[in-house]
Amino acid sequence: MTLRATLFDMDGLLIDSEVLWHEAEVEIFGSLGVPIHEAEERSTKGMYVNEVVEFWYAQYPWVGPGEDQVVDLLLERVGQLVEDKGRLLPGAVRALDLAGERGPMALASSTPLALIYRCLDHFGLRERFVSVNSAQFEVFGKPHPAVFLTAAASLDVRAPECLVIEDSAAGVLAAKAARMSVVAVPAIEDRDLAPFALADLVLTSLEELSGAWLDAQFASALAR
């Protein structure tokens, strides 16, 4: 199937924010008695923030702020951390340039929309995308394919004509469930996870994304 559009994830792919999410979780959940430690891997990577809060509350119920309030605390803290010390990951701008030359782009993230906008605006990236889509408005987050299907529809492109660029195992599963092609850019500690074997291409960094490889996937569309 010839590709016509590209769907990007955000956290951990374009922006080095997974570590900042973990920092915020250690800080806020730690204050509630949840034993998350700095040295641990972020086991909830790719999950929607409400699901993260539900996950930890189910294991370590706390007394005090309700789950919705904890969600708000996390989102505000992550936004502060991104603005204070977040950075674009190597190759992010180049990957956006390459994909944008070959078709429309949408963003499809598990992050709530207000925080997506806050992050994109901080780095001047919002105008790169035809649409910005959040799992906040879906019944299920990744690994359910809903947010990717919504993003494809927003571009008026069929799901199999979309290339997804993702860093999380949940995102790869979601994209494949949507019958989309996938470029995976997993973190070092995640590379042995089984879902990455489903990806059409696995990179160690967005710096490795090849214009020639993209040309081969988008060739028929470019010829029209």
N, C-alpha and C. Protein backbone atom coordinates (compact mmCIF):
# COMPACT_ATOMS: atom_id res chain seq x y z
N MET A 1 0.85 -1.20 0.00
CA MET A 1 0.00 0.00 0.00
C MET A 1 0.88 1.25 0.00
N THR A 2 0.65 2.14 -0.96
CA THR A 2 1.39 3.39 -1.01
C THR A 2 0.96 4.31 0.12
N LEU A 3 1.92 4.93 0.76
CA LEU A 3 1.63 5.83 1.87
C LEU A 3 1.37 7.24 1.37
N ARG A 4 0.51 7.96 2.12
CA ARG A 4 0.15 9.33 1.73
C ARG A 4 0.28 10.33 2.87
N ALA A 5 0.43 9.85 4.11
CA ALA A 5 0.46 10.76 5.26
C ALA A 5 1.28 10.14 6.38
N THR A 6 1.71 11.00 7.30
CA THR A 6 2.51 10.55 8.44
C THR A 6 1.87 11.01 9.74
N LEU A 7 1.79 10.10 10.70
CA LEU A 7 1.26 10.39 12.03
C LEU A 7 2.40 10.26 13.04
N PHE A 8 2.64 11.31 13.78
CA PHE A 8 3.71 11.32 14.78
C PHE A 8 3.15 11.20 16.20
N ASP A 9 3.82 10.42 17.03
CA ASP A 9 3.65 10.51 18.46
C ASP A 9 4.44 11.74 18.93
N MET A 10 4.37 12.07 20.22
CA MET A 10 5.11 13.24 20.71
C MET A 10 6.09 12.89 21.83
N ASP A 11 5.58 12.46 22.99
CA ASP A 11 6.44 12.22 24.15
C ASP A 11 7.42 11.08 23.88
N GLY A 12 8.70 11.35 24.08
CA GLY A 12 9.70 10.33 23.90
C GLY A 12 10.10 10.12 22.46
N LEU A 13 9.42 10.77 21.54
CA LEU A 13 9.75 10.66 20.12
C LEU A 13 10.28 11.99 19.59
N LEU A 14 9.46 13.03 19.67
CA LEU A 14 9.89 14.36 19.26
C LEU A 14 10.52 15.12 20.42
N ILE A 15 9.97 14.94 21.60
CA ILE A 15 10.39 15.68 22.79
C ILE A 15 10.90 14.69 23.83
N ASP A 16 12.01 15.03 24.47
CA ASP A 16 12.58 14.17 25.49
C ASP A 16 11.81 14.35 26.80
N SER A 17 10.54 13.96 26.75
CA SER A 17 9.64 14.22 27.88
C SER A 17 9.29 12.98 28.68
N GLU A 18 9.63 11.78 28.20
CA GLU A 18 9.33 10.59 29.00
C GLU A 18 10.03 10.66 30.35
N VAL A 19 11.29 11.11 30.33
CA VAL A 19 12.02 11.24 31.60
C VAL A 19 11.38 12.29 32.50
N LEU A 20 10.76 13.30 31.89
CA LEU A 20 10.11 14.35 32.67
C LEU A 20 8.78 13.85 33.24
N TRP A 21 8.06 13.03 32.47
CA TRP A 21 6.87 12.38 33.02
C TRP A 21 7.25 11.54 34.23
N HIS A 22 8.34 10.80 34.10
CA HIS A 22 8.76 9.94 35.22
C HIS A 22 9.15 10.79 36.43
N GLU A 23 9.84 11.88 36.17
CA GLU A 23 10.21 12.78 37.27
C GLU A 23 8.97 13.31 37.99
N ALA A 24 7.97 13.72 37.20
CA ALA A 24 6.73 14.24 37.80
C ALA A 24 6.00 13.15 38.58
N GLU A 25 5.99 11.93 38.05
CA GLU A 25 5.31 10.83 38.73
C GLU A 25 6.02 10.47 40.04
N VAL A 26 7.35 10.41 40.02
CA VAL A 26 8.09 10.12 41.24
C VAL A 26 7.78 11.17 42.31
N GLU A 27 7.75 12.42 41.89
CA GLU A 27 7.51 13.53 42.82
C GLU A 27 6.09 13.49 43.39
N ILE A 28 5.10 13.39 42.52
CA ILE A 28 3.71 13.52 42.96
C ILE A 28 3.19 12.24 43.58
N PHE A 29 3.41 11.10 42.94
CA PHE A 29 2.97 9.85 43.54
C PHE A 29 3.75 9.57 44.83
N GLY A 30 5.03 9.93 44.82
CA GLY A 30 5.83 9.73 46.02
C GLY A 30 5.26 10.48 47.21
N SER A 31 4.75 11.68 46.96
CA SER A 31 4.16 12.47 48.05
C SER A 31 2.88 11.83 48.58
N LEU A 32 2.31 10.90 47.80
CA LEU A 32 1.08 10.21 48.20
C LEU A 32 1.36 8.82 48.76
N GLY A 33 2.63 8.49 48.90
CA GLY A 33 3.01 7.20 49.46
C GLY A 33 3.15 6.07 48.47
N VAL A 34 3.13 6.39 47.19
CA VAL A 34 3.32 5.37 46.15
C VAL A 34 4.83 5.19 45.94
N PRO A 35 5.35 3.97 46.09
CA PRO A 35 6.80 3.77 46.06
C PRO A 35 7.38 3.69 44.65
N ILE A 36 7.34 4.79 43.93
CA ILE A 36 8.02 4.89 42.64
C ILE A 36 9.38 5.53 42.91
N HIS A 37 10.41 5.00 42.26
CA HIS A 37 11.75 5.51 42.52
C HIS A 37 12.39 6.01 41.23
N GLU A 38 13.32 6.94 41.36
CA GLU A 38 13.99 7.54 40.22
C GLU A 38 14.64 6.49 39.33
N ALA A 39 15.19 5.47 39.94
CA ALA A 39 15.96 4.48 39.18
C ALA A 39 15.09 3.51 38.39
N GLU A 40 13.81 3.46 38.67
CA GLU A 40 12.93 2.52 37.99
C GLU A 40 12.63 2.97 36.57
N GLU A 41 12.36 2.01 35.70
CA GLU A 41 11.87 2.32 34.37
C GLU A 41 10.40 2.75 34.47
N ARG A 42 9.96 3.57 33.53
CA ARG A 42 8.58 4.05 33.55
C ARG A 42 7.68 2.96 32.96
N SER A 43 7.07 2.15 33.81
CA SER A 43 6.29 1.00 33.37
C SER A 43 4.98 1.39 32.71
N THR A 44 4.56 2.64 32.88
CA THR A 44 3.29 3.09 32.33
C THR A 44 3.47 3.88 31.03
N LYS A 45 4.63 3.77 30.41
CA LYS A 45 4.91 4.51 29.18
C LYS A 45 3.84 4.21 28.12
N GLY A 46 3.33 5.26 27.47
CA GLY A 46 2.34 5.10 26.41
C GLY A 46 0.91 5.09 26.89
N MET A 47 0.69 4.95 28.21
CA MET A 47 -0.67 4.95 28.75
C MET A 47 -1.18 6.37 28.88
N TYR A 48 -2.51 6.54 28.78
CA TYR A 48 -3.13 7.83 29.01
C TYR A 48 -3.01 8.17 30.49
N VAL A 49 -2.87 9.45 30.80
CA VAL A 49 -2.55 9.87 32.16
C VAL A 49 -3.59 9.40 33.18
N ASN A 50 -4.87 9.41 32.82
CA ASN A 50 -5.89 8.91 33.74
C ASN A 50 -5.68 7.43 34.05
N GLU A 51 -5.25 6.68 33.04
CA GLU A 51 -4.98 5.26 33.23
C GLU A 51 -3.77 5.07 34.15
N VAL A 52 -2.78 5.95 34.04
CA VAL A 52 -1.61 5.88 34.91
C VAL A 52 -2.03 6.08 36.37
N VAL A 53 -2.86 7.10 36.60
CA VAL A 53 -3.32 7.37 37.97
C VAL A 53 -4.15 6.21 38.48
N GLU A 54 -5.04 5.66 37.67
CA GLU A 54 -5.85 4.51 38.08
C GLU A 54 -4.96 3.30 38.39
N PHE A 55 -3.93 3.12 37.58
CA PHE A 55 -3.01 1.99 37.74
C PHE A 55 -2.34 2.03 39.11
N TRP A 56 -1.80 3.21 39.47
CA TRP A 56 -1.10 3.31 40.74
C TRP A 56 -2.06 3.34 41.94
N TYR A 57 -3.23 3.93 41.76
CA TYR A 57 -4.20 3.96 42.87
C TYR A 57 -4.69 2.55 43.19
N ALA A 58 -4.85 1.72 42.15
CA ALA A 58 -5.31 0.35 42.37
C ALA A 58 -4.30 -0.45 43.19
N GLN A 59 -3.01 -0.13 43.04
CA GLN A 59 -1.98 -0.87 43.77
C GLN A 59 -1.67 -0.27 45.13
N TYR A 60 -1.73 1.06 45.21
CA TYR A 60 -1.38 1.75 46.45
C TYR A 60 -2.40 2.86 46.72
N PRO A 61 -3.61 2.49 47.14
CA PRO A 61 -4.65 3.50 47.37
C PRO A 61 -4.17 4.54 48.40
N TRP A 62 -4.35 5.79 48.05
CA TRP A 62 -3.92 6.86 48.95
C TRP A 62 -5.12 7.60 49.52
N VAL A 63 -4.87 8.27 50.62
CA VAL A 63 -5.88 9.12 51.25
C VAL A 63 -5.50 10.56 50.94
N GLY A 64 -6.47 11.34 50.47
CA GLY A 64 -6.17 12.73 50.15
C GLY A 64 -6.78 13.12 48.83
N PRO A 65 -6.00 13.70 47.92
CA PRO A 65 -6.56 14.20 46.66
C PRO A 65 -7.17 13.07 45.83
N GLY A 66 -8.29 13.39 45.16
CA GLY A 66 -8.93 12.42 44.28
C GLY A 66 -8.12 12.20 43.02
N GLU A 67 -8.50 11.19 42.26
CA GLU A 67 -7.75 10.83 41.06
C GLU A 67 -7.72 11.97 40.04
N ASP A 68 -8.83 12.67 39.86
CA ASP A 68 -8.85 13.78 38.91
C ASP A 68 -7.89 14.89 39.33
N GLN A 69 -7.82 15.14 40.62
CA GLN A 69 -6.90 16.17 41.11
C GLN A 69 -5.44 15.76 40.90
N VAL A 70 -5.15 14.49 41.08
CA VAL A 70 -3.80 14.00 40.84
C VAL A 70 -3.44 14.12 39.36
N VAL A 71 -4.40 13.82 38.49
CA VAL A 71 -4.17 14.01 37.05
C VAL A 71 -3.78 15.45 36.76
N ASP A 72 -4.53 16.40 37.32
CA ASP A 72 -4.24 17.82 37.09
C ASP A 72 -2.86 18.20 37.62
N LEU A 73 -2.48 17.67 38.78
CA LEU A 73 -1.16 17.95 39.33
C LEU A 73 -0.05 17.42 38.43
N LEU A 74 -0.25 16.22 37.90
CA LEU A 74 0.75 15.64 37.00
C LEU A 74 0.90 16.46 35.73
N LEU A 75 -0.23 16.84 35.13
CA LEU A 75 -0.18 17.58 33.87
C LEU A 75 0.50 18.93 34.05
N GLU A 76 0.19 19.61 35.11
CA GLU A 76 0.81 20.91 35.37
C GLU A 76 2.30 20.75 35.61
N ARG A 77 2.68 19.74 36.38
CA ARG A 77 4.10 19.55 36.67
C ARG A 77 4.88 19.17 35.42
N VAL A 78 4.32 18.29 34.58
CA VAL A 78 5.01 17.93 33.34
C VAL A 78 5.17 19.15 32.45
N GLY A 79 4.12 19.96 32.34
CA GLY A 79 4.23 21.18 31.54
C GLY A 79 5.34 22.09 32.03
N GLN A 80 5.45 22.26 33.34
CA GLN A 80 6.52 23.08 33.91
C GLN A 80 7.89 22.50 33.58
N LEU A 81 8.02 21.19 33.72
CA LEU A 81 9.31 20.56 33.47
C LEU A 81 9.72 20.66 32.01
N VAL A 82 8.75 20.49 31.09
CA VAL A 82 9.05 20.63 29.66
C VAL A 82 9.54 22.04 29.37
N GLU A 83 8.88 23.03 29.93
CA GLU A 83 9.28 24.41 29.68
C GLU A 83 10.60 24.76 30.36
N ASP A 84 10.88 24.12 31.49
CA ASP A 84 12.11 24.41 32.23
C ASP A 84 13.33 23.73 31.63
N LYS A 85 13.16 22.46 31.22
CA LYS A 85 14.36 21.73 30.79
C LYS A 85 14.11 20.69 29.69
N GLY A 86 12.95 20.74 29.07
CA GLY A 86 12.69 19.83 27.96
C GLY A 86 13.53 20.18 26.74
N ARG A 87 13.74 19.20 25.88
CA ARG A 87 14.49 19.44 24.66
C ARG A 87 13.94 18.57 23.54
N LEU A 88 14.12 19.04 22.33
CA LEU A 88 13.78 18.21 21.18
C LEU A 88 14.80 17.10 21.05
N LEU A 89 14.34 15.93 20.70
CA LEU A 89 15.24 14.81 20.54
C LEU A 89 16.01 14.91 19.22
N PRO A 90 17.20 14.33 19.16
CA PRO A 90 18.01 14.40 17.93
C PRO A 90 17.23 13.88 16.73
N GLY A 91 17.26 14.65 15.66
CA GLY A 91 16.61 14.26 14.41
C GLY A 91 15.14 14.61 14.33
N ALA A 92 14.55 15.18 15.40
CA ALA A 92 13.11 15.44 15.39
C ALA A 92 12.72 16.43 14.30
N VAL A 93 13.40 17.56 14.22
CA VAL A 93 13.06 18.57 13.22
C VAL A 93 13.30 18.03 11.81
N ARG A 94 14.40 17.33 11.63
CA ARG A 94 14.70 16.76 10.31
C ARG A 94 13.62 15.75 9.90
N ALA A 95 13.17 14.92 10.85
CA ALA A 95 12.12 13.93 10.54
C ALA A 95 10.83 14.63 10.14
N LEU A 96 10.49 15.71 10.82
CA LEU A 96 9.31 16.48 10.45
C LEU A 96 9.46 17.09 9.07
N ASP A 97 10.65 17.57 8.76
CA ASP A 97 10.90 18.12 7.43
C ASP A 97 10.73 17.05 6.36
N LEU A 98 11.35 15.90 6.57
CA LEU A 98 11.29 14.82 5.59
C LEU A 98 9.87 14.34 5.36
N ALA A 99 9.14 14.10 6.44
CA ALA A 99 7.77 13.62 6.32
C ALA A 99 6.87 14.68 5.70
N GLY A 100 7.07 15.94 6.09
CA GLY A 100 6.24 17.02 5.57
C GLY A 100 6.41 17.24 4.08
N GLU A 101 7.58 16.89 3.55
CA GLU A 101 7.82 17.01 2.11
C GLU A 101 7.08 15.94 1.32
N ARG A 102 6.59 14.92 1.99
CA ARG A 102 6.00 13.77 1.31
C ARG A 102 4.50 13.63 1.53
N GLY A 103 3.92 14.48 2.34
CA GLY A 103 2.49 14.41 2.56
C GLY A 103 2.09 15.11 3.84
N PRO A 104 0.79 15.20 4.10
CA PRO A 104 0.31 15.87 5.31
C PRO A 104 0.70 15.09 6.56
N MET A 105 0.79 15.81 7.67
CA MET A 105 1.17 15.19 8.94
C MET A 105 0.13 15.53 10.01
N ALA A 106 -0.09 14.57 10.90
CA ALA A 106 -0.92 14.79 12.08
C ALA A 106 -0.17 14.27 13.29
N LEU A 107 -0.50 14.81 14.44
CA LEU A 107 0.06 14.32 15.68
C LEU A 107 -1.00 13.49 16.39
N ALA A 108 -0.60 12.34 16.95
CA ALA A 108 -1.53 11.44 17.65
C ALA A 108 -0.86 10.97 18.92
N SER A 109 -1.30 11.51 20.04
CA SER A 109 -0.61 11.30 21.31
C SER A 109 -1.57 10.86 22.41
N SER A 110 -1.02 10.17 23.41
CA SER A 110 -1.81 9.82 24.59
C SER A 110 -1.92 10.98 25.58
N THR A 111 -1.16 12.04 25.36
CA THR A 111 -1.17 13.19 26.25
C THR A 111 -2.44 14.01 26.06
N PRO A 112 -3.01 14.56 27.13
CA PRO A 112 -4.19 15.44 26.99
C PRO A 112 -3.88 16.64 26.10
N LEU A 113 -4.91 17.11 25.41
CA LEU A 113 -4.73 18.11 24.36
C LEU A 113 -4.09 19.40 24.87
N ALA A 114 -4.51 19.89 26.02
CA ALA A 114 -3.96 21.16 26.51
C ALA A 114 -2.46 21.06 26.72
N LEU A 115 -2.00 19.93 27.23
CA LEU A 115 -0.56 19.76 27.43
C LEU A 115 0.17 19.54 26.11
N ILE A 116 -0.46 18.85 25.17
CA ILE A 116 0.14 18.73 23.83
C ILE A 116 0.39 20.12 23.27
N TYR A 117 -0.63 20.97 23.29
CA TYR A 117 -0.47 22.32 22.76
C TYR A 117 0.62 23.09 23.50
N ARG A 118 0.65 22.93 24.81
CA ARG A 118 1.67 23.63 25.61
C ARG A 118 3.07 23.22 25.17
N CYS A 119 3.27 21.93 24.97
CA CYS A 119 4.58 21.43 24.55
C CYS A 119 4.92 21.85 23.12
N LEU A 120 3.98 21.67 22.21
CA LEU A 120 4.23 22.04 20.82
C LEU A 120 4.51 23.53 20.68
N ASP A 121 3.75 24.35 21.38
CA ASP A 121 3.95 25.79 21.30
C ASP A 121 5.30 26.20 21.88
N HIS A 122 5.72 25.51 22.92
CA HIS A 122 7.02 25.83 23.53
C HIS A 122 8.15 25.64 22.53
N PHE A 123 8.02 24.63 21.67
CA PHE A 123 9.06 24.35 20.69
C PHE A 123 8.73 24.87 19.29
N GLY A 124 7.61 25.57 19.15
CA GLY A 124 7.24 26.12 17.85
C GLY A 124 6.88 25.08 16.81
N LEU A 125 6.23 24.00 17.23
CA LEU A 125 5.94 22.89 16.32
C LEU A 125 4.47 22.76 15.93
N ARG A 126 3.58 23.50 16.58
CA ARG A 126 2.16 23.22 16.36
C ARG A 126 1.76 23.38 14.89
N GLU A 127 2.29 24.39 14.23
CA GLU A 127 1.89 24.66 12.84
C GLU A 127 2.41 23.62 11.86
N ARG A 128 3.25 22.73 12.31
CA ARG A 128 3.74 21.66 11.44
C ARG A 128 2.63 20.67 11.07
N PHE A 129 1.61 20.58 11.92
CA PHE A 129 0.63 19.51 11.79
C PHE A 129 -0.71 20.03 11.28
N VAL A 130 -1.31 19.27 10.36
CA VAL A 130 -2.65 19.59 9.88
C VAL A 130 -3.65 19.43 11.01
N SER A 131 -3.44 18.44 11.83
CA SER A 131 -4.33 18.23 12.99
C SER A 131 -3.51 17.69 14.15
N VAL A 132 -4.02 17.96 15.35
CA VAL A 132 -3.41 17.47 16.58
C VAL A 132 -4.48 16.66 17.32
N ASN A 133 -4.18 15.41 17.62
CA ASN A 133 -5.19 14.48 18.14
C ASN A 133 -4.72 13.87 19.46
N SER A 134 -5.63 13.80 20.42
CA SER A 134 -5.32 13.27 21.73
C SER A 134 -6.23 12.11 22.08
N ALA A 135 -5.65 11.10 22.73
CA ALA A 135 -6.45 9.97 23.22
C ALA A 135 -7.42 10.40 24.32
N GLN A 136 -7.27 11.64 24.78
CA GLN A 136 -8.22 12.20 25.76
C GLN A 136 -9.66 12.09 25.28
N PHE A 137 -9.86 12.15 23.97
CA PHE A 137 -11.21 12.17 23.41
C PHE A 137 -11.65 10.81 22.87
N GLU A 138 -10.87 9.78 23.16
CA GLU A 138 -11.21 8.43 22.74
C GLU A 138 -11.68 7.62 23.95
N VAL A 139 -12.47 6.59 23.69
CA VAL A 139 -12.92 5.71 24.78
C VAL A 139 -11.73 4.95 25.35
N PHE A 140 -10.80 4.55 24.47
CA PHE A 140 -9.62 3.80 24.90
C PHE A 140 -8.36 4.48 24.36
N GLY A 141 -7.30 4.44 25.15
CA GLY A 141 -6.01 4.93 24.71
C GLY A 141 -5.20 3.83 24.05
N LYS A 142 -3.98 4.16 23.63
CA LYS A 142 -3.06 3.15 23.09
C LYS A 142 -2.84 2.09 24.15
N PRO A 143 -2.81 0.81 23.79
CA PRO A 143 -2.61 0.23 22.45
C PRO A 143 -3.87 0.08 21.59
N HIS A 144 -4.99 0.63 22.02
CA HIS A 144 -6.16 0.68 21.13
C HIS A 144 -5.84 1.64 19.98
N PRO A 145 -6.28 1.36 18.76
CA PRO A 145 -5.91 2.18 17.60
C PRO A 145 -6.71 3.47 17.43
N ALA A 146 -7.64 3.77 18.34
CA ALA A 146 -8.60 4.85 18.09
C ALA A 146 -7.96 6.18 17.74
N VAL A 147 -6.94 6.61 18.48
CA VAL A 147 -6.38 7.94 18.23
C VAL A 147 -5.71 8.00 16.86
N PHE A 148 -5.14 6.90 16.40
CA PHE A 148 -4.54 6.88 15.07
C PHE A 148 -5.61 6.90 13.99
N LEU A 149 -6.71 6.19 14.20
CA LEU A 149 -7.79 6.19 13.22
C LEU A 149 -8.43 7.58 13.13
N THR A 150 -8.58 8.25 14.27
CA THR A 150 -9.10 9.61 14.26
C THR A 150 -8.16 10.55 13.51
N ALA A 151 -6.86 10.39 13.74
CA ALA A 151 -5.88 11.24 13.06
C ALA A 151 -5.91 11.02 11.55
N ALA A 152 -6.02 9.77 11.11
CA ALA A 152 -6.10 9.48 9.68
C ALA A 152 -7.34 10.12 9.07
N ALA A 153 -8.47 9.99 9.76
CA ALA A 153 -9.71 10.58 9.26
C ALA A 153 -9.60 12.10 9.15
N SER A 154 -8.87 12.71 10.08
CA SER A 154 -8.72 14.17 10.06
C SER A 154 -7.95 14.64 8.82
N LEU A 155 -7.14 13.75 8.26
CA LEU A 155 -6.37 14.06 7.04
C LEU A 155 -7.08 13.58 5.78
N ASP A 156 -8.24 12.92 5.95
CA ASP A 156 -8.99 12.34 4.83
C ASP A 156 -8.12 11.31 4.10
N VAL A 157 -7.43 10.49 4.89
CA VAL A 157 -6.55 9.45 4.36
C VAL A 157 -6.96 8.12 4.98
N ARG A 158 -6.97 7.07 4.19
CA ARG A 158 -7.30 5.75 4.72
C ARG A 158 -6.19 5.25 5.64
N ALA A 159 -6.57 4.47 6.63
CA ALA A 159 -5.61 3.99 7.63
C ALA A 159 -4.39 3.30 7.01
N PRO A 160 -4.57 2.38 6.03
CA PRO A 160 -3.39 1.70 5.48
C PRO A 160 -2.47 2.62 4.68
N GLU A 161 -2.91 3.85 4.43
CA GLU A 161 -2.07 4.81 3.71
C GLU A 161 -1.27 5.71 4.65
N CYS A 162 -1.28 5.38 5.94
CA CYS A 162 -0.59 6.20 6.94
C CYS A 162 0.67 5.51 7.45
N LEU A 163 1.69 6.30 7.63
CA LEU A 163 2.90 5.88 8.32
C LEU A 163 2.86 6.47 9.72
N VAL A 164 3.03 5.63 10.72
CA VAL A 164 3.11 6.08 12.11
C VAL A 164 4.57 6.04 12.56
N ILE A 165 5.00 7.10 13.23
CA ILE A 165 6.34 7.11 13.81
C ILE A 165 6.17 7.18 15.32
N GLU A 166 6.67 6.18 16.02
CA GLU A 166 6.36 5.94 17.43
C GLU A 166 7.60 5.50 18.20
N ASP A 167 7.59 5.74 19.50
CA ASP A 167 8.67 5.26 20.35
C ASP A 167 8.22 4.18 21.33
N SER A 168 6.91 4.05 21.59
CA SER A 168 6.44 3.13 22.63
C SER A 168 5.91 1.83 22.05
N ALA A 169 6.01 0.78 22.86
CA ALA A 169 5.45 -0.51 22.45
C ALA A 169 3.94 -0.41 22.28
N ALA A 170 3.28 0.31 23.19
CA ALA A 170 1.83 0.48 23.08
C ALA A 170 1.46 1.19 21.79
N GLY A 171 2.26 2.17 21.39
CA GLY A 171 2.00 2.90 20.16
C GLY A 171 2.17 2.03 18.93
N VAL A 172 3.18 1.17 18.94
CA VAL A 172 3.38 0.25 17.81
C VAL A 172 2.18 -0.70 17.70
N LEU A 173 1.74 -1.25 18.82
CA LEU A 173 0.57 -2.13 18.80
C LEU A 173 -0.66 -1.40 18.28
N ALA A 174 -0.84 -0.16 18.70
CA ALA A 174 -2.00 0.62 18.26
C ALA A 174 -1.96 0.86 16.76
N ALA A 175 -0.79 1.22 16.26
CA ALA A 175 -0.66 1.50 14.83
C ALA A 175 -0.90 0.25 14.00
N LYS A 176 -0.35 -0.88 14.44
CA LYS A 176 -0.55 -2.11 13.70
C LYS A 176 -2.00 -2.57 13.75
N ALA A 177 -2.66 -2.34 14.89
CA ALA A 177 -4.08 -2.66 14.99
C ALA A 177 -4.90 -1.82 14.02
N ALA A 178 -4.41 -0.63 13.69
CA ALA A 178 -5.07 0.24 12.72
C ALA A 178 -4.68 -0.08 11.28
N ARG A 179 -3.82 -1.09 11.09
CA ARG A 179 -3.34 -1.51 9.77
C ARG A 179 -2.47 -0.43 9.11
N MET A 180 -1.67 0.22 9.92
CA MET A 180 -0.77 1.25 9.43
C MET A 180 0.67 0.75 9.43
N SER A 181 1.51 1.37 8.61
CA SER A 181 2.94 1.10 8.64
C SER A 181 3.55 1.83 9.82
N VAL A 182 4.65 1.29 10.35
CA VAL A 182 5.23 1.86 11.56
C VAL A 182 6.75 1.95 11.47
N VAL A 183 7.27 3.12 11.80
CA VAL A 183 8.68 3.29 12.11
C VAL A 183 8.77 3.42 13.62
N ALA A 184 9.50 2.53 14.26
CA ALA A 184 9.65 2.54 15.71
C ALA A 184 11.02 3.09 16.08
N VAL A 185 11.02 3.93 17.12
CA VAL A 185 12.27 4.50 17.62
C VAL A 185 12.30 4.27 19.13
N PRO A 186 12.49 3.02 19.56
CA PRO A 186 12.39 2.71 20.99
C PRO A 186 13.59 3.23 21.78
N ALA A 187 13.34 3.52 23.04
CA ALA A 187 14.43 3.84 23.95
C ALA A 187 15.31 2.59 24.13
N ILE A 188 16.55 2.80 24.51
CA ILE A 188 17.50 1.69 24.65
C ILE A 188 16.93 0.58 25.52
N GLU A 189 16.33 0.96 26.64
CA GLU A 189 15.86 -0.05 27.60
C GLU A 189 14.62 -0.79 27.10
N ASP A 190 13.99 -0.31 26.03
CA ASP A 190 12.76 -0.94 25.53
C ASP A 190 12.97 -1.78 24.27
N ARG A 191 14.15 -1.77 23.71
CA ARG A 191 14.34 -2.34 22.37
C ARG A 191 14.05 -3.82 22.26
N ASP A 192 14.14 -4.54 23.36
CA ASP A 192 13.88 -5.99 23.31
C ASP A 192 12.41 -6.34 23.51
N LEU A 193 11.54 -5.35 23.69
CA LEU A 193 10.12 -5.64 23.87
C LEU A 193 9.54 -6.21 22.58
N ALA A 194 8.72 -7.23 22.73
CA ALA A 194 8.20 -7.98 21.57
C ALA A 194 7.47 -7.11 20.55
N PRO A 195 6.64 -6.13 20.93
CA PRO A 195 5.90 -5.38 19.93
C PRO A 195 6.77 -4.69 18.88
N PHE A 196 8.01 -4.38 19.20
CA PHE A 196 8.85 -3.68 18.23
C PHE A 196 9.21 -4.56 17.04
N ALA A 197 9.09 -5.87 17.21
CA ALA A 197 9.32 -6.77 16.08
C ALA A 197 8.24 -6.63 15.00
N LEU A 198 7.11 -6.01 15.35
CA LEU A 198 6.03 -5.80 14.39
C LEU A 198 6.26 -4.58 13.50
N ALA A 199 7.18 -3.72 13.89
CA ALA A 199 7.41 -2.48 13.14
C ALA A 199 8.01 -2.77 11.78
N ASP A 200 7.72 -1.90 10.83
CA ASP A 200 8.28 -2.04 9.48
C ASP A 200 9.74 -1.60 9.44
N LEU A 201 10.11 -0.73 10.35
CA LEU A 201 11.48 -0.24 10.43
C LEU A 201 11.74 0.14 11.87
N VAL A 202 12.88 -0.25 12.41
CA VAL A 202 13.26 0.11 13.78
C VAL A 202 14.55 0.90 13.72
N LEU A 203 14.53 2.09 14.33
CA LEU A 203 15.68 2.98 14.35
C LEU A 203 16.14 3.18 15.79
N THR A 204 17.39 3.53 15.96
CA THR A 204 17.88 3.89 17.29
C THR A 204 17.70 5.38 17.56
N SER A 205 17.48 6.16 16.50
CA SER A 205 17.28 7.60 16.62
C SER A 205 16.58 8.11 15.37
N LEU A 206 15.82 9.20 15.50
CA LEU A 206 15.22 9.82 14.32
C LEU A 206 16.27 10.35 13.36
N GLU A 207 17.48 10.51 13.82
CA GLU A 207 18.56 10.94 12.92
C GLU A 207 18.81 9.91 11.83
N GLU A 208 18.40 8.67 12.06
CA GLU A 208 18.63 7.60 11.09
C GLU A 208 17.53 7.52 10.03
N LEU A 209 16.45 8.29 10.18
CA LEU A 209 15.36 8.22 9.21
C LEU A 209 15.87 8.65 7.85
N SER A 210 15.63 7.80 6.86
CA SER A 210 16.19 8.01 5.53
C SER A 210 15.16 8.57 4.56
N GLY A 211 15.53 9.63 3.86
CA GLY A 211 14.67 10.16 2.82
C GLY A 211 14.43 9.14 1.72
N ALA A 212 15.45 8.35 1.40
CA ALA A 212 15.31 7.32 0.37
C ALA A 212 14.30 6.26 0.79
N TRP A 213 14.34 5.85 2.08
CA TRP A 213 13.36 4.87 2.56
C TRP A 213 11.96 5.45 2.47
N LEU A 214 11.79 6.69 2.88
CA LEU A 214 10.47 7.33 2.79
C LEU A 214 10.01 7.43 1.34
N ASP A 215 10.93 7.78 0.44
CA ASP A 215 10.57 7.87 -0.98
C ASP A 215 9.99 6.56 -1.49
N ALA A 216 10.58 5.45 -1.06
CA ALA A 216 10.09 4.15 -1.52
C ALA A 216 8.68 3.88 -1.02
N GLN A 217 8.34 4.35 0.17
CA GLN A 217 7.00 4.13 0.72
C GLN A 217 5.98 5.08 0.12
N PHE A 218 6.41 6.28 -0.23
CA PHE A 218 5.49 7.30 -0.74
C PHE A 218 5.60 7.46 -2.25
N ALA A 219 6.33 6.59 -2.93
CA ALA A 219 6.71 6.80 -4.33
C ALA A 219 5.53 7.05 -5.25
N SER A 220 4.50 6.22 -5.19
CA SER A 220 3.38 6.37 -6.12
C SER A 220 2.65 7.68 -5.91
N ALA A 221 2.52 8.08 -4.64
CA ALA A 221 1.85 9.34 -4.36
C ALA A 221 2.64 10.52 -4.90
N LEU A 222 3.98 10.45 -4.78
CA LEU A 222 4.81 11.54 -5.27
C LEU A 222 4.76 11.62 -6.80
N ALA A 223 4.53 10.47 -7.46
CA ALA A 223 4.52 10.45 -8.93
C ALA A 223 3.26 11.05 -9.51
N ARG A 224 2.17 11.13 -8.70
CA ARG A 224 0.91 11.63 -9.22
C ARG A 224 0.94 13.15 -9.35
